[in-house]
C-alpha atoms as a PDB file:
ATOM      1  CA  MET A   1      44.154 -56.832  -7.518  1.00  0.00           C
ATOM      2  CA  SER A   2      47.275 -58.299  -9.174  1.00  0.00           C
ATOM      3  CA  THR A   3      48.517 -57.158 -12.542  1.00  0.00           C
ATOM      4  CA  PRO A   4      49.075 -59.871 -15.254  1.00  0.00           C
ATOM      5  CA  PRO A   5      52.682 -60.361 -16.242  1.00  0.00           C
ATOM      6  CA  ALA A   6      53.874 -58.470 -19.280  1.00  0.00           C
ATOM      7  CA  VAL A   7      54.169 -60.479 -22.490  1.00  0.00           C
ATOM      8  CA  SER A   8      56.927 -59.648 -24.908  1.00  0.00           C
ATOM      9  CA  GLU A   9      56.190 -58.705 -28.529  1.00  0.00           C
ATOM     10  CA  ASP A  10      58.042 -61.775 -29.906  1.00  0.00           C
ATOM     11  CA  ALA A  11      56.021 -64.087 -27.705  1.00  0.00           C
ATOM     12  CA  THR A  12      52.795 -62.472 -28.886  1.00  0.00           C
ATOM     13  CA  VAL A  13      53.749 -63.028 -32.509  1.00  0.00           C
ATOM     14  CA  THR A  14      54.656 -66.626 -31.748  1.00  0.00           C
ATOM     15  CA  LEU A  15      51.375 -67.351 -30.011  1.00  0.00           C
ATOM     16  CA  THR A  16      49.161 -65.713 -32.649  1.00  0.00           C
ATOM     17  CA  THR A  17      50.878 -67.196 -35.699  1.00  0.00           C
ATOM     18  CA  GLY A  18      51.712 -70.628 -34.363  1.00  0.00           C
ATOM     19  CA  GLY A  19      55.426 -70.074 -34.657  1.00  0.00           C
ATOM     20  CA  ARG A  20      55.329 -68.849 -38.257  1.00  0.00           C
ATOM     21  CA  GLY A  21      56.670 -65.474 -37.286  1.00  0.00           C
ATOM     22  CA  ARG A  22      59.832 -66.966 -35.924  1.00  0.00           C
ATOM     23  CA  ARG A  23      62.992 -65.550 -37.483  1.00  0.00           C
ATOM     24  CA  PRO A  24      64.921 -67.939 -39.766  1.00  0.00           C
ATOM     25  CA  HIS A  25      68.056 -69.540 -38.436  1.00  0.00           C
ATOM     26  CA  ARG A  26      71.231 -67.730 -39.404  1.00  0.00           C
ATOM     27  CA  GLY A  27      72.945 -70.964 -40.501  1.00  0.00           C
ATOM     28  CA  THR A  28      70.146 -71.746 -42.965  1.00  0.00           C
ATOM     29  CA  ALA A  29      70.279 -68.274 -44.525  1.00  0.00           C
ATOM     30  CA  SER A  30      74.048 -68.408 -44.952  1.00  0.00           C
ATOM     31  CA  GLY A  31      73.776 -71.874 -46.495  1.00  0.00           C
ATOM     32  CA  ARG A  32      71.266 -70.632 -49.062  1.00  0.00           C
ATOM     33  CA  GLN A  33      73.468 -67.674 -49.898  1.00  0.00           C
ATOM     34  CA  LEU A  34      76.444 -69.981 -50.362  1.00  0.00           C
ATOM     35  CA  LEU A  35      74.404 -72.276 -52.625  1.00  0.00           C
ATOM     36  CA  THR A  36      73.216 -69.304 -54.670  1.00  0.00           C
ATOM     37  CA  ALA A  37      76.766 -68.065 -55.075  1.00  0.00           C
ATOM     38  CA  LEU A  38      78.041 -71.502 -56.126  1.00  0.00           C
ATOM     39  CA  THR A  39      75.229 -72.306 -58.578  1.00  0.00           C
ATOM     40  CA  PRO A  40      76.881 -70.682 -61.655  1.00  0.00           C
ATOM     41  CA  TYR A  41      80.135 -72.481 -60.882  1.00  0.00           C
ATOM     42  CA  LEU A  42      78.325 -75.825 -60.615  1.00  0.00           C
ATOM     43  CA  PHE A  43      76.953 -75.398 -64.131  1.00  0.00           C
ATOM     44  CA  VAL A  44      80.384 -74.385 -65.412  1.00  0.00           C
ATOM     45  CA  ALA A  45      81.980 -77.340 -63.641  1.00  0.00           C
ATOM     46  CA  VAL A  46      79.947 -79.790 -65.731  1.00  0.00           C
ATOM     47  CA  ALA A  47      81.089 -78.195 -68.999  1.00  0.00           C
ATOM     48  CA  VAL A  48      84.694 -77.947 -67.823  1.00  0.00           C
ATOM     49  CA  GLY A  49      84.617 -81.565 -66.665  1.00  0.00           C
ATOM     50  CA  LEU A  50      83.406 -82.769 -70.059  1.00  0.00           C
ATOM     51  CA  LEU A  51      86.012 -80.592 -71.765  1.00  0.00           C
ATOM     52  CA  MET A  52      88.780 -82.077 -69.620  1.00  0.00           C
ATOM     53  CA  LEU A  53      87.509 -85.616 -70.136  1.00  0.00           C
ATOM     54  CA  LEU A  54      86.916 -85.473 -73.895  1.00  0.00           C
ATOM     55  CA  THR A  55      89.565 -82.977 -75.049  1.00  0.00           C
ATOM     56  CA  TYR A  56      92.475 -82.340 -72.722  1.00  0.00           C
ATOM     57  CA  ALA A  57      92.830 -85.859 -71.325  1.00  0.00           C
ATOM     58  CA  PRO A  58      93.050 -87.442 -74.821  1.00  0.00           C
ATOM     59  CA  ALA A  59      95.487 -84.704 -75.859  1.00  0.00           C
ATOM     60  CA  ALA A  60      97.673 -85.490 -72.848  1.00  0.00           C
ATOM     61  CA  ASN A  61      97.554 -89.194 -73.722  1.00  0.00           C
ATOM     62  CA  MET A  62      98.535 -88.387 -77.287  1.00  0.00           C
ATOM     63  CA  ILE A  63     101.565 -86.441 -76.085  1.00  0.00           C
ATOM     64  CA  TRP A  64     102.552 -89.378 -73.879  1.00  0.00           C
ATOM     65  CA  TYR A  65     102.152 -91.826 -76.764  1.00  0.00           C
ATOM     66  CA  SER A  66     104.356 -89.612 -78.940  1.00  0.00           C
ATOM     67  CA  LEU A  67     107.209 -90.084 -76.476  1.00  0.00           C
ATOM     68  CA  ASN A  68     107.004 -93.872 -76.707  1.00  0.00           C
ATOM     69  CA  ASN A  69     107.551 -96.510 -79.336  1.00  0.00           C
ATOM     70  CA  TRP A  70     104.047 -97.994 -79.160  1.00  0.00           C
ATOM     71  CA  THR A  71     102.279-100.188 -81.700  1.00  0.00           C
ATOM     72  CA  GLY A  72      98.780 -99.675 -80.323  1.00  0.00           C
ATOM     73  CA  PHE A  73      98.731-102.976 -78.427  1.00  0.00           C
ATOM     74  CA  GLY A  74      99.974-103.800 -74.962  1.00  0.00           C
ATOM     75  CA  LYS A  75     101.454-101.455 -72.403  1.00  0.00           C
ATOM     76  CA  VAL A  76     102.987 -98.102 -73.226  1.00  0.00           C
ATOM     77  CA  ASP A  77     106.382 -98.719 -71.647  1.00  0.00           C
ATOM     78  CA  ASP A  78     108.979 -98.238 -74.415  1.00  0.00           C
ATOM     79  CA  PHE A  79     110.018 -94.625 -73.741  1.00  0.00           C
ATOM     80  CA  VAL A  80     112.062 -93.139 -76.607  1.00  0.00           C
ATOM     81  CA  GLY A  81     111.884 -89.427 -75.795  1.00  0.00           C
ATOM     82  CA  LEU A  82     111.996 -87.122 -78.806  1.00  0.00           C
ATOM     83  CA  ASP A  83     112.993 -89.782 -81.322  1.00  0.00           C
ATOM     84  CA  ASN A  84     109.567 -89.788 -82.953  1.00  0.00           C
ATOM     85  CA  TYR A  85     109.681 -86.012 -83.435  1.00  0.00           C
ATOM     86  CA  ILE A  86     113.170 -86.241 -84.912  1.00  0.00           C
ATOM     87  CA  GLU A  87     111.901 -88.915 -87.299  1.00  0.00           C
ATOM     88  CA  VAL A  88     109.087 -86.648 -88.480  1.00  0.00           C
ATOM     89  CA  PHE A  89     111.389 -83.719 -89.255  1.00  0.00           C
ATOM     90  CA  THR A  90     114.206 -85.743 -90.774  1.00  0.00           C
ATOM     91  CA  ASN A  91     112.164 -88.131 -92.918  1.00  0.00           C
ATOM     92  CA  PRO A  92     111.399 -86.316 -96.192  1.00  0.00           C
ATOM     93  CA  LYS A  93     108.545 -88.694 -97.014  1.00  0.00           C
ATOM     94  CA  ILE A  94     106.638 -87.586 -93.913  1.00  0.00           C
ATOM     95  CA  PHE A  95     107.097 -83.842 -93.852  1.00  0.00           C
ATOM     96  CA  ALA A  96     107.006 -83.362 -97.628  1.00  0.00           C
ATOM     97  CA  VAL A  97     103.265 -84.074 -97.776  1.00  0.00           C
ATOM     98  CA  PHE A  98     102.655 -80.592 -96.406  1.00  0.00           C
ATOM     99  CA  GLY A  99     103.205 -79.455 -99.994  1.00  0.00           C
ATOM    100  CA  VAL A 100      99.834 -80.994-100.866  1.00  0.00           C
ATOM    101  CA  SER A 101      98.221 -78.633 -98.365  1.00  0.00           C
ATOM    102  CA  LEU A 102      99.215 -75.709-100.588  1.00  0.00           C
ATOM    103  CA  TYR A 103      96.599 -76.785-103.148  1.00  0.00           C
ATOM    104  CA  TYR A 104      93.868 -76.640-100.537  1.00  0.00           C
ATOM    105  CA  PHE A 105      95.263 -73.419 -99.092  1.00  0.00           C
ATOM    106  CA  VAL A 106      94.973 -71.681-102.463  1.00  0.00           C
ATOM    107  CA  ALA A 107      91.562 -73.284-103.007  1.00  0.00           C
ATOM    108  CA  SER A 108      90.363 -71.871 -99.686  1.00  0.00           C
ATOM    109  CA  PHE A 109      91.018 -68.333-100.936  1.00  0.00           C
ATOM    110  CA  VAL A 110      89.119 -69.140-104.117  1.00  0.00           C
ATOM    111  CA  GLN A 111      86.125 -70.301-102.125  1.00  0.00           C
ATOM    112  CA  MET A 112      86.353 -67.228 -99.881  1.00  0.00           C
ATOM    113  CA  ALA A 113      86.320 -64.963-102.951  1.00  0.00           C
ATOM    114  CA  ILE A 114      83.328 -66.798-104.439  1.00  0.00           C
ATOM    115  CA  ALA A 115      81.473 -66.748-101.115  1.00  0.00           C
ATOM    116  CA  LEU A 116      82.165 -63.049-100.571  1.00  0.00           C
ATOM    117  CA  TYR A 117      80.994 -62.185-104.086  1.00  0.00           C
ATOM    118  CA  PHE A 118      77.678 -64.004-103.752  1.00  0.00           C
ATOM    119  CA  ALA A 119      77.148 -62.815-100.178  1.00  0.00           C
ATOM    120  CA  ALA A 120      77.548 -59.202-101.252  1.00  0.00           C
ATOM    121  CA  LEU A 121      75.358 -59.766-104.304  1.00  0.00           C
ATOM    122  CA  LEU A 122      72.533 -61.518-102.457  1.00  0.00           C
ATOM    123  CA  SER A 123      72.599 -59.102 -99.528  1.00  0.00           C
ATOM    124  CA  PHE A 124      70.920 -56.556-101.779  1.00  0.00           C
ATOM    125  CA  SER A 125      67.406 -56.946-103.140  1.00  0.00           C
ATOM    126  CA  THR A 126      67.694 -59.702-105.736  1.00  0.00           C
ATOM    127  CA  ARG A 127      65.069 -61.894-107.320  1.00  0.00           C
ATOM    128  CA  PHE A 128      64.912 -65.410-105.903  1.00  0.00           C
ATOM    129  CA  SER A 129      67.584 -64.501-103.358  1.00  0.00           C
ATOM    130  CA  ASN A 130      66.397 -67.122-100.846  1.00  0.00           C
ATOM    131  CA  PHE A 131      66.492 -69.785-103.558  1.00  0.00           C
ATOM    132  CA  PHE A 132      70.078 -68.957-104.500  1.00  0.00           C
ATOM    133  CA  ARG A 133      71.096 -68.816-100.847  1.00  0.00           C
ATOM    134  CA  GLY A 134      69.798 -72.332-100.375  1.00  0.00           C
ATOM    135  CA  ILE A 135      71.651 -73.562-103.452  1.00  0.00           C
ATOM    136  CA  LEU A 136      74.947 -72.113-102.236  1.00  0.00           C
ATOM    137  CA  PHE A 137      74.618 -73.454 -98.708  1.00  0.00           C
ATOM    138  CA  PHE A 138      73.241 -76.895 -99.625  1.00  0.00           C
ATOM    139  CA  PRO A 139      76.628 -78.578-100.420  1.00  0.00           C
ATOM    140  CA  TYR A 140      77.863 -77.872 -96.905  1.00  0.00           C
ATOM    141  CA  LEU A 141      74.931 -79.848 -95.467  1.00  0.00           C
ATOM    142  CA  ILE A 142      75.877 -83.007 -97.383  1.00  0.00           C
ATOM    143  CA  ASN A 143      78.043 -85.574 -95.651  1.00  0.00           C
ATOM    144  CA  GLY A 144      81.680 -85.514 -96.741  1.00  0.00           C
ATOM    145  CA  VAL A 145      81.671 -89.235 -97.537  1.00  0.00           C
ATOM    146  CA  ALA A 146      78.704 -88.786 -99.883  1.00  0.00           C
ATOM    147  CA  ILE A 147      80.412 -85.859-101.603  1.00  0.00           C
ATOM    148  CA  GLY A 148      83.539 -87.948-102.069  1.00  0.00           C
ATOM    149  CA  PHE A 149      81.612 -90.726-103.809  1.00  0.00           C
ATOM    150  CA  VAL A 150      79.616 -88.284-105.963  1.00  0.00           C
ATOM    151  CA  PHE A 151      82.747 -86.571-107.259  1.00  0.00           C
ATOM    152  CA  LEU A 152      84.492 -89.910-107.606  1.00  0.00           C
ATOM    153  CA  TYR A 153      81.911 -90.863-110.237  1.00  0.00           C
ATOM    154  CA  LEU A 154      82.144 -87.367-111.698  1.00  0.00           C
ATOM    155  CA  PHE A 155      85.913 -87.555-112.267  1.00  0.00           C
ATOM    156  CA  GLN A 156      86.247 -91.216-113.252  1.00  0.00           C
ATOM    157  CA  PRO A 157      87.175 -92.042-116.885  1.00  0.00           C
ATOM    158  CA  GLY A 158      84.043 -91.926-119.004  1.00  0.00           C
ATOM    159  CA  GLY A 159      82.138 -90.376-116.127  1.00  0.00           C
ATOM    160  CA  THR A 160      79.846 -87.397-115.975  1.00  0.00           C
ATOM    161  CA  LEU A 161      82.516 -84.757-116.500  1.00  0.00           C
ATOM    162  CA  ASP A 162      84.039 -86.553-119.497  1.00  0.00           C
ATOM    163  CA  THR A 163      80.590 -86.970-121.012  1.00  0.00           C
ATOM    164  CA  VAL A 164      79.782 -83.275-120.688  1.00  0.00           C
ATOM    165  CA  LEU A 165      83.164 -82.285-122.111  1.00  0.00           C
ATOM    166  CA  GLY A 166      82.566 -84.688-125.022  1.00  0.00           C
ATOM    167  CA  TRP A 167      79.488 -82.698-125.968  1.00  0.00           C
ATOM    168  CA  PHE A 168      81.789 -79.721-126.562  1.00  0.00           C
ATOM    169  CA  GLY A 169      84.238 -81.673-128.715  1.00  0.00           C
ATOM    170  CA  LEU A 170      86.836 -82.709-126.112  1.00  0.00           C
ATOM    171  CA  ALA A 171      87.353 -86.327-127.152  1.00  0.00           C
ATOM    172  CA  ASP A 172      90.428 -87.117-125.034  1.00  0.00           C
ATOM    173  CA  PRO A 173      89.987 -85.619-121.540  1.00  0.00           C
ATOM    174  CA  PRO A 174      92.760 -86.033-118.969  1.00  0.00           C
ATOM    175  CA  GLN A 175      92.768 -88.503-116.100  1.00  0.00           C
ATOM    176  CA  TRP A 176      91.323 -86.244-113.436  1.00  0.00           C
ATOM    177  CA  LEU A 177      92.341 -88.481-110.536  1.00  0.00           C
ATOM    178  CA  GLY A 178      94.846 -90.789-112.231  1.00  0.00           C
ATOM    179  CA  ASP A 179      97.248 -88.085-113.388  1.00  0.00           C
ATOM    180  CA  SER A 180      99.376 -86.884-110.488  1.00  0.00           C
ATOM    181  CA  SER A 181      99.876 -83.480-112.111  1.00  0.00           C
ATOM    182  CA  ILE A 182      96.173 -82.576-111.937  1.00  0.00           C
ATOM    183  CA  ALA A 183      94.761 -84.915-109.271  1.00  0.00           C
ATOM    184  CA  ASN A 184      95.266 -82.393-106.480  1.00  0.00           C
ATOM    185  CA  PHE A 185      93.548 -79.700-108.531  1.00  0.00           C
ATOM    186  CA  SER A 186      90.517 -81.967-108.901  1.00  0.00           C
ATOM    187  CA  LEU A 187      90.403 -82.714-105.188  1.00  0.00           C
ATOM    188  CA  ALA A 188      90.886 -79.071-104.226  1.00  0.00           C
ATOM    189  CA  SER A 189      88.050 -78.014-106.535  1.00  0.00           C
ATOM    190  CA  THR A 190      85.827 -80.539-104.755  1.00  0.00           C
ATOM    191  CA  SER A 191      86.666 -78.875-101.454  1.00  0.00           C
ATOM    192  CA  VAL A 192      85.804 -75.493-102.942  1.00  0.00           C
ATOM    193  CA  TRP A 193      82.378 -76.780-103.965  1.00  0.00           C
ATOM    194  CA  ARG A 194      81.716 -78.192-100.516  1.00  0.00           C
ATOM    195  CA  TYR A 195      82.933 -75.416 -98.200  1.00  0.00           C
ATOM    196  CA  THR A 196      81.921 -72.306-100.141  1.00  0.00           C
ATOM    197  CA  GLY A 197      78.517 -72.467 -98.453  1.00  0.00           C
ATOM    198  CA  LEU A 198      80.029 -72.139 -94.977  1.00  0.00           C
ATOM    199  CA  ASN A 199      81.942 -68.975 -95.841  1.00  0.00           C
ATOM    200  CA  PHE A 200      78.897 -67.688 -97.699  1.00  0.00           C
ATOM    201  CA  VAL A 201      76.690 -67.950 -94.588  1.00  0.00           C
ATOM    202  CA  LEU A 202      79.337 -66.293 -92.399  1.00  0.00           C
ATOM    203  CA  PHE A 203      79.784 -63.392 -94.808  1.00  0.00           C
ATOM    204  CA  LEU A 204      76.052 -62.995 -95.434  1.00  0.00           C
ATOM    205  CA  GLY A 205      75.255 -62.852 -91.727  1.00  0.00           C
ATOM    206  CA  ALA A 206      77.976 -60.269 -91.160  1.00  0.00           C
ATOM    207  CA  ILE A 207      76.794 -58.131 -94.065  1.00  0.00           C
ATOM    208  CA  GLN A 208      73.193 -58.197 -92.877  1.00  0.00           C
ATOM    209  CA  SER A 209      74.300 -57.010 -89.433  1.00  0.00           C
ATOM    210  CA  ILE A 210      75.485 -53.708 -90.953  1.00  0.00           C
ATOM    211  CA  PRO A 211      72.849 -50.975 -90.368  1.00  0.00           C
ATOM    212  CA  SER A 212      70.750 -50.287 -93.444  1.00  0.00           C
ATOM    213  CA  GLU A 213      70.986 -46.541 -92.804  1.00  0.00           C
ATOM    214  CA  LEU A 214      74.570 -46.623 -94.016  1.00  0.00           C
ATOM    215  CA  TYR A 215      73.500 -47.960 -97.409  1.00  0.00           C
ATOM    216  CA  GLU A 216      70.772 -45.340 -97.664  1.00  0.00           C
ATOM    217  CA  ALA A 217      73.205 -42.554 -96.839  1.00  0.00           C
ATOM    218  CA  ALA A 218      75.688 -43.906 -99.383  1.00  0.00           C
ATOM    219  CA  GLU A 219      73.017 -44.007-102.109  1.00  0.00           C
ATOM    220  CA  LEU A 220      72.049 -40.402-101.333  1.00  0.00           C
ATOM    221  CA  ASP A 221      75.703 -39.454-101.778  1.00  0.00           C
ATOM    222  CA  GLY A 222      75.720 -41.178-105.156  1.00  0.00           C
ATOM    223  CA  ALA A 223      77.810 -44.194-104.162  1.00  0.00           C
ATOM    224  CA  GLY A 224      77.399 -47.244-106.381  1.00  0.00           C
ATOM    225  CA  LYS A 225      77.442 -50.893-105.403  1.00  0.00           C
ATOM    226  CA  TRP A 226      81.208 -51.188-105.716  1.00  0.00           C
ATOM    227  CA  ALA A 227      81.757 -48.136-103.523  1.00  0.00           C
ATOM    228  CA  GLN A 228      79.347 -49.521-100.941  1.00  0.00           C
ATOM    229  CA  PHE A 229      81.218 -52.800-100.933  1.00  0.00           C
ATOM    230  CA  ARG A 230      84.609 -51.117-100.673  1.00  0.00           C
ATOM    231  CA  PHE A 231      83.828 -48.584 -97.935  1.00  0.00           C
ATOM    232  CA  ILE A 232      80.952 -50.204 -96.024  1.00  0.00           C
ATOM    233  CA  ILE A 233      80.751 -53.969 -96.506  1.00  0.00           C
ATOM    234  CA  PHE A 234      84.422 -54.933 -96.565  1.00  0.00           C
ATOM    235  CA  PRO A 235      85.455 -52.880 -93.496  1.00  0.00           C
ATOM    236  CA  GLY A 236      82.314 -53.999 -91.668  1.00  0.00           C
ATOM    237  CA  ILE A 237      83.039 -57.718 -92.042  1.00  0.00           C
ATOM    238  CA  ARG A 238      86.805 -57.562 -91.544  1.00  0.00           C
ATOM    239  CA  ARG A 239      86.637 -59.682 -88.414  1.00  0.00           C
ATOM    240  CA  ILE A 240      84.667 -62.417 -90.182  1.00  0.00           C
ATOM    241  CA  ILE A 241      87.208 -62.392 -92.994  1.00  0.00           C
ATOM    242  CA  GLY A 242      89.948 -62.876 -90.407  1.00  0.00           C
ATOM    243  CA  LEU A 243      88.027 -65.796 -88.922  1.00  0.00           C
ATOM    244  CA  SER A 244      87.643 -67.345 -92.367  1.00  0.00           C
ATOM    245  CA  PHE A 245      91.376 -66.939 -92.915  1.00  0.00           C
ATOM    246  CA  ILE A 246      92.099 -68.895 -89.722  1.00  0.00           C
ATOM    247  CA  LEU A 247      89.648 -71.619 -90.769  1.00  0.00           C
ATOM    248  CA  ALA A 248      91.298 -71.727 -94.195  1.00  0.00           C
ATOM    249  CA  ILE A 249      94.738 -72.339 -92.712  1.00  0.00           C
ATOM    250  CA  SER A 250      93.630 -75.000 -90.251  1.00  0.00           C
ATOM    251  CA  GLY A 251      91.399 -76.649 -92.849  1.00  0.00           C
ATOM    252  CA  SER A 252      94.098 -76.805 -95.522  1.00  0.00           C
ATOM    253  CA  LEU A 253      96.502 -78.439 -93.070  1.00  0.00           C
ATOM    254  CA  SER A 254      93.989 -81.019 -91.826  1.00  0.00           C
ATOM    255  CA  VAL A 255      92.298 -82.159 -95.043  1.00  0.00           C
ATOM    256  CA  PHE A 256      91.246 -85.774 -94.790  1.00  0.00           C
ATOM    257  CA  GLU A 257      87.798 -86.861 -95.982  1.00  0.00           C
ATOM    258  CA  ILE A 258      87.756 -86.038 -99.677  1.00  0.00           C
ATOM    259  CA  PRO A 259      91.269 -87.206-100.703  1.00  0.00           C
ATOM    260  CA  TYR A 260      91.032 -90.303 -98.497  1.00  0.00           C
ATOM    261  CA  ILE A 261      87.718 -91.415-100.034  1.00  0.00           C
ATOM    262  CA  MET A 262      88.486 -90.504-103.621  1.00  0.00           C
ATOM    263  CA  THR A 263      92.138 -91.552-103.961  1.00  0.00           C
ATOM    264  CA  SER A 264      93.225 -92.977-100.574  1.00  0.00           C
ATOM    265  CA  GLY A 265      96.272 -90.735-100.902  1.00  0.00           C
ATOM    266  CA  ALA A 266      97.476 -92.267-104.173  1.00  0.00           C
ATOM    267  CA  ASN A 267      99.096 -90.366-107.078  1.00  0.00           C
ATOM    268  CA  GLY A 268     100.686 -87.795-104.806  1.00  0.00           C
ATOM    269  CA  THR A 269      97.427 -86.759-103.122  1.00  0.00           C
ATOM    270  CA  SER A 270      98.258 -87.936 -99.610  1.00  0.00           C
ATOM    271  CA  THR A 271      97.828 -85.221 -96.993  1.00  0.00           C
ATOM    272  CA  PHE A 272      99.497 -85.033 -93.611  1.00  0.00           C
ATOM    273  CA  VAL A 273      96.393 -86.358 -91.847  1.00  0.00           C
ATOM    274  CA  ILE A 274      96.057 -89.282 -94.260  1.00  0.00           C
ATOM    275  CA  GLN A 275      99.693 -90.196 -93.689  1.00  0.00           C
ATOM    276  CA  THR A 276      99.164 -89.916 -89.936  1.00  0.00           C
ATOM    277  CA  VAL A 277      96.209 -92.308 -90.060  1.00  0.00           C
ATOM    278  CA  GLN A 278      98.098 -94.764 -92.263  1.00  0.00           C
ATOM    279  CA  THR A 279     101.117 -94.619 -89.968  1.00  0.00           C
ATOM    280  CA  ALA A 280      98.967 -95.431 -86.948  1.00  0.00           C
ATOM    281  CA  PHE A 281      96.584 -98.074 -88.272  1.00  0.00           C
ATOM    282  CA  GLN A 282      98.328 -99.509 -91.312  1.00  0.00           C
ATOM    283  CA  PHE A 283     101.957 -99.552 -90.189  1.00  0.00           C
ATOM    284  CA  ARG A 284     101.145 -99.872 -86.463  1.00  0.00           C
ATOM    285  CA  GLN A 285     103.386 -96.977 -85.428  1.00  0.00           C
ATOM    286  CA  VAL A 286     101.040 -95.214 -83.031  1.00  0.00           C
ATOM    287  CA  GLY A 287     103.857 -93.400 -81.252  1.00  0.00           C
ATOM    288  CA  LEU A 288     105.150 -91.883 -84.491  1.00  0.00           C
ATOM    289  CA  ALA A 289     101.621 -91.020 -85.605  1.00  0.00           C
ATOM    290  CA  SER A 290     100.958 -89.314 -82.270  1.00  0.00           C
ATOM    291  CA  ALA A 291     104.080 -87.205 -82.769  1.00  0.00           C
ATOM    292  CA  MET A 292     102.807 -86.220 -86.209  1.00  0.00           C
ATOM    293  CA  ALA A 293      99.460 -85.213 -84.712  1.00  0.00           C
ATOM    294  CA  VAL A 294     101.147 -83.119 -82.022  1.00  0.00           C
ATOM    295  CA  ILE A 295     103.270 -81.362 -84.643  1.00  0.00           C
ATOM    296  CA  LEU A 296     100.179 -80.614 -86.734  1.00  0.00           C
ATOM    297  CA  LEU A 297      98.411 -79.155 -83.708  1.00  0.00           C
ATOM    298  CA  ALA A 298     101.442 -77.007 -82.878  1.00  0.00           C
ATOM    299  CA  ILE A 299     101.668 -75.713 -86.449  1.00  0.00           C
ATOM    300  CA  VAL A 300      97.997 -74.720 -86.475  1.00  0.00           C
ATOM    301  CA  LEU A 301      98.317 -72.935 -83.126  1.00  0.00           C
ATOM    302  CA  ILE A 302     101.481 -71.093 -84.184  1.00  0.00           C
ATOM    303  CA  VAL A 303     100.022 -69.961 -87.506  1.00  0.00           C
ATOM    304  CA  THR A 304      96.832 -68.811 -85.775  1.00  0.00           C
ATOM    305  CA  TRP A 305      98.860 -66.873 -83.199  1.00  0.00           C
ATOM    306  CA  LEU A 306     100.922 -65.200 -85.915  1.00  0.00           C
ATOM    307  CA  GLN A 307      97.798 -64.264 -87.822  1.00  0.00           C
ATOM    308  CA  ARG A 308      96.215 -62.753 -84.702  1.00  0.00           C
ATOM    309  CA  LYS A 309      99.424 -60.897 -83.877  1.00  0.00           C
ATOM    310  CA  PHE A 310     100.133 -59.323 -87.254  1.00  0.00           C
ATOM    311  CA  PHE A 311      96.487 -58.921 -88.299  1.00  0.00           C
ATOM    312  CA  PRO A 312      94.666 -58.122 -85.068  1.00  0.00           C
ATOM    313  CA  ASP A 313      90.968 -57.373 -84.853  1.00  0.00           C
ATOM    314  CA  GLU A 314      90.313 -53.693 -85.288  1.00  0.00           C
ATOM    315  CA  LYS A 315      87.089 -52.108 -84.223  1.00  0.00           C
ATOM    316  CA  VAL A 316      85.709 -50.405 -87.304  1.00  0.00           C
ATOM    317  CA  ASP A 317      83.494 -47.369 -86.884  1.00  0.00           C
ATOM    318  CA  LEU A 318      81.471 -47.056 -90.081  1.00  0.00           C
ATOM    319  CA  THR A 319      79.607 -44.000 -88.894  1.00  0.00           C
END
């Protein structure tokens, strides 16, 4: 009697499962592992591609335009090198408008002080705190063009502000936008009203992230509100204050909406950005305007680097 041939274990599995027990191909497994490893980079590649397309490519074009004498029409083929940059630094009418930015720079510290005061005040238990938070943040939600028109009617002769001041006996108010000596103060105060809400939300969020146990321990030690602000709140939000300082510098150098809508840069209110736009689209000197934009970008980056170098972020341990 003959003995049946031996059947291997793999063959038995194949016959009983219809081939489902067959081991996967090594090439397929390695391909899946490679796809899994590349998946995060594929998602990042989309974001990086959009960043290159919408940010760095236009910036590179702007640098190329700044090296040419281009009117905005036709080919960019009149290479002039650094002549546009020399024109910016040697023409007093161009570079002198940075003095207007000082008004907005000072105003940014005013709005930071107001925002910090109300953020510290409303971080404690206060009646109608949510209502006041909404009031402070609401101006930041309004479009800048709408704010410009609202304050344009407010500051115009015989407007709302003059009417209110007339109730208190001021019969001859100044020309808020027509007098060059006070026009920049009026525009800077408009910026304070608009952007205080942004700093307020940043400060309030940072204050609320501080553990409540620190306030309770300070109250048990007899510390008042000023002591809590000085030794707990201010050190705890130092990084946010540094961020607001950077935003204040860049914002004061790149002011555009409010002075352009309300005065169009007249009466000594022209900012560097307004002059850049007028140089490009009114005088058709796109190459010179591109050089001005590059210089503004360089100034903002240098000032930010200096601020980060001399006032670095310090990890504060409040415990």
